[in-house]
Amino acid sequence: MTADFVGIGELARRTGTKVQTIRYYEEIGLLPPPARTTGNQRRYDRAAQQRLAFIRHARELGFSLDAIRTLLDLVDHPEQPCERADAVARARLAEVESRIVRLLALREELQRMVRECHGGRVAQCRVIEVLADHGRCLYADHQAPDRTGVRRGGDRQWASADGQRSAS
C-alpha cells in the first residue's frame, strides 16, 4: 500500500470519528469496504476520507442515516437532478423548525414555573405544583400552540408559530 492510504486509527483522527463508528458505517454500507493489507488491516484512501467527512458533517446537521444514504446515492450518481437532495434538506429543515417551536414552548413553560415560584416552602412551590398537576401547564402536550391549540393558564397573550399574537 502507498502513503496515500491510512489505517483506521489515522482516519478516525483526521475526521474526528470514533473507530467503532467507522466500522459501523462500513457494516451498514455507508462506507465501502476498505482495501486490506496482507495482515488484514484496513487501509483507506482519500475518497474514503472525503466520504466519511461528508457523513460526519451530515450527522452534525442532524440528518438521519437513511437521509445520508439517499444523499450518498446522489453523490455516487452526480448526473441525477438534485431535487432529491433538496427534498431531503427541506425535510430536515422542517424537522428543525418544528423542534424549535416545541423548544420555545418548553422554554416558556419552564420560565413561567420558575417565575411563579416564590422561594417559600415546598408545600407552596409552583414548580412542584406544576409538575404534580399537568393541568397547571400552559400547553396540554408541551407543544407550542397552533392556531387551534389550547393554551391553559389565563388570559395572557401568546405568539403562534407564524408570529401572530392571540389572546388565550
Protein backbone atom coordinates (compact mmCIF):
# COMPACT_ATOMS: atom_id res chain seq x y z
CA MET A 1 0.00 0.00 0.00
CA THR A 2 1.21 3.52 -0.74
CA ALA A 3 1.40 6.55 1.51
CA ASP A 4 -1.96 7.67 0.04
CA PHE A 5 -3.64 5.09 2.26
CA VAL A 6 -4.14 5.41 6.02
CA GLY A 7 -5.19 3.00 8.73
CA ILE A 8 -8.45 3.20 10.61
CA GLY A 9 -6.86 4.97 13.58
CA GLU A 10 -5.43 7.71 11.39
CA LEU A 11 -8.73 8.03 9.51
CA ALA A 12 -10.51 8.39 12.85
CA ARG A 13 -8.06 11.08 13.95
CA ARG A 14 -8.28 13.02 10.68
CA THR A 15 -12.07 13.04 10.62
CA GLY A 16 -12.81 13.23 14.36
CA THR A 17 -14.78 9.99 14.13
CA LYS A 18 -14.52 7.08 16.54
CA VAL A 19 -13.06 3.85 15.18
CA GLN A 20 -16.22 1.96 16.21
CA THR A 21 -18.33 4.46 14.26
CA ILE A 22 -16.21 3.97 11.14
CA ARG A 23 -16.65 0.20 11.43
CA TYR A 24 -20.40 0.67 11.92
CA TYR A 25 -20.65 2.86 8.80
CA GLU A 26 -18.87 0.11 6.87
CA GLU A 27 -21.19 -2.53 8.32
CA ILE A 28 -24.34 -0.67 7.25
CA GLY A 29 -22.93 0.20 3.83
CA LEU A 30 -22.38 3.94 4.13
CA LEU A 31 -18.65 3.41 3.68
CA PRO A 32 -17.46 0.84 1.16
CA PRO A 33 -15.28 -2.00 2.43
CA PRO A 34 -11.72 -0.68 2.59
CA ALA A 35 -8.67 -2.20 0.99
CA ARG A 36 -6.76 -4.55 3.30
CA THR A 37 -3.09 -5.20 3.86
CA THR A 38 -1.68 -8.70 3.77
CA GLY A 39 -2.02 -8.57 7.57
CA ASN A 40 -5.77 -7.81 7.10
CA GLN A 41 -5.52 -4.22 8.34
CA ARG A 42 -7.98 -1.74 6.87
CA ARG A 43 -6.47 0.89 4.54
CA TYR A 44 -8.45 3.95 3.49
CA ASP A 45 -7.81 6.19 0.51
CA ARG A 46 -8.58 9.89 0.08
CA ALA A 47 -12.06 9.13 -1.31
CA ALA A 48 -12.97 7.20 1.86
CA GLN A 49 -11.76 10.10 3.98
CA GLN A 50 -13.87 12.55 1.95
CA ARG A 51 -16.91 10.28 2.15
CA LEU A 52 -16.53 9.91 5.91
CA ALA A 53 -16.15 13.69 6.28
CA PHE A 54 -19.40 14.09 4.28
CA ILE A 55 -21.19 11.60 6.54
CA ARG A 56 -19.86 13.24 9.68
CA HIS A 57 -20.91 16.70 8.54
CA ALA A 58 -24.37 15.45 7.61
CA ARG A 59 -24.69 13.81 11.05
CA GLU A 60 -23.64 17.07 12.72
CA LEU A 61 -26.51 18.75 10.85
CA GLY A 62 -28.85 16.09 12.21
CA PHE A 63 -29.56 14.12 9.05
CA SER A 64 -30.70 10.57 9.69
CA LEU A 65 -28.68 7.64 8.41
CA ASP A 66 -31.42 6.96 5.82
CA ALA A 67 -31.24 10.56 4.60
CA ILE A 68 -27.45 10.30 4.41
CA ARG A 69 -27.77 7.08 2.44
CA THR A 70 -30.02 8.92 -0.04
CA LEU A 71 -27.57 11.83 -0.28
CA LEU A 72 -24.62 9.48 -0.77
CA ASP A 73 -26.51 7.73 -3.56
CA LEU A 74 -26.82 11.12 -5.22
CA VAL A 75 -23.11 11.80 -4.70
CA ASP A 76 -22.36 8.44 -6.30
CA HIS A 77 -24.55 9.33 -9.31
CA PRO A 78 -23.83 13.01 -9.97
CA GLU A 79 -25.69 13.05 -13.29
CA GLN A 80 -29.03 12.93 -11.43
CA PRO A 81 -31.07 16.08 -10.87
CA CYS A 82 -30.71 17.49 -7.36
CA GLU A 83 -34.43 17.59 -6.48
CA ARG A 84 -33.99 14.61 -4.14
CA ALA A 85 -31.16 16.36 -2.30
CA ASP A 86 -33.32 19.45 -1.99
CA ALA A 87 -36.24 17.36 -0.69
CA VAL A 88 -34.02 15.69 1.92
CA ALA A 89 -32.70 19.07 3.09
CA ARG A 90 -36.20 20.58 3.15
CA ALA A 91 -37.47 17.68 5.26
CA ARG A 92 -34.62 18.17 7.72
CA LEU A 93 -35.32 21.90 7.85
CA ALA A 94 -38.98 21.21 8.64
CA GLU A 95 -37.90 18.89 11.48
CA VAL A 96 -35.61 21.58 12.88
CA GLU A 97 -38.27 24.28 12.65
CA SER A 98 -40.78 22.02 14.39
CA ARG A 99 -38.31 21.29 17.15
CA ILE A 100 -37.58 24.99 17.60
CA VAL A 101 -41.29 25.68 18.06
CA ARG A 102 -41.52 22.87 20.64
CA LEU A 103 -38.40 24.11 22.45
CA LEU A 104 -39.76 27.67 22.59
CA ALA A 105 -42.97 26.36 24.16
CA LEU A 106 -40.94 24.31 26.62
CA ARG A 107 -38.84 27.34 27.50
CA GLU A 108 -41.98 29.40 28.08
CA GLU A 109 -43.38 26.70 30.37
CA LEU A 110 -40.17 26.46 32.38
CA GLN A 111 -39.80 30.24 32.60
CA ARG A 112 -43.34 30.51 33.93
CA MET A 113 -42.76 27.77 36.51
CA VAL A 114 -39.59 29.44 37.75
CA ARG A 115 -41.10 32.94 37.67
CA GLU A 116 -44.13 31.84 39.69
CA CYS A 117 -42.08 30.04 42.32
CA HIS A 118 -41.61 32.46 45.19
CA GLY A 119 -38.95 30.55 47.09
CA GLY A 120 -41.15 29.63 50.03
CA ARG A 121 -41.76 26.13 51.26
CA VAL A 122 -42.11 23.07 49.06
CA ALA A 123 -45.77 22.83 50.08
CA GLN A 124 -46.39 26.08 48.15
CA CYS A 125 -43.75 25.62 45.43
CA ARG A 126 -45.07 26.43 41.96
CA VAL A 127 -42.51 24.17 40.29
CA ILE A 128 -43.70 21.19 42.34
CA GLU A 129 -47.36 22.10 41.79
CA VAL A 130 -47.00 22.26 38.01
CA LEU A 131 -45.01 19.02 37.84
CA ALA A 132 -47.58 17.27 40.04
CA ASP A 133 -50.59 18.51 38.05
CA HIS A 134 -50.28 18.58 34.27
CA GLY A 135 -53.45 20.67 34.19
CA ARG A 136 -51.44 23.62 35.50
CA CYS A 137 -49.23 23.63 32.39
CA LEU A 138 -49.65 26.23 29.68
CA TYR A 139 -49.98 23.60 26.96
CA ALA A 140 -51.64 20.23 27.22
CA ASP A 141 -48.86 18.45 25.33
CA HIS A 142 -45.91 20.85 25.81
CA GLN A 143 -46.09 21.69 22.14
CA ALA A 144 -46.35 25.27 21.03
CA PRO A 145 -49.91 26.12 20.11
CA ASP A 146 -51.06 26.05 16.56
CA ARG A 147 -53.93 28.32 15.57
CA THR A 148 -56.37 25.85 17.13
CA GLY A 149 -54.13 24.84 20.02
CA VAL A 150 -55.30 25.04 23.57
CA ARG A 151 -53.37 27.26 25.90
CA ARG A 152 -54.03 26.97 29.58
CA GLY A 153 -53.36 29.39 32.37
CA GLY A 154 -55.36 32.57 31.99
CA ASP A 155 -55.71 35.40 29.55
CA ARG A 156 -52.08 36.09 28.66
CA GLN A 157 -51.08 36.65 25.05
CA TRP A 158 -49.01 34.19 23.07
CA ALA A 159 -47.42 34.08 19.66
CA SER A 160 -48.19 31.26 17.27
CA ALA A 161 -45.57 29.66 15.06
CA ASP A 162 -46.36 32.24 12.36
CA GLY A 163 -45.69 35.10 14.82
CA GLN A 164 -49.31 36.23 15.14
CA ARG A 165 -50.36 37.27 18.66
CA SER A 166 -53.60 35.93 20.06
CA ALA A 167 -55.34 36.04 23.37
CA SER A 168 -55.95 32.76 25.11
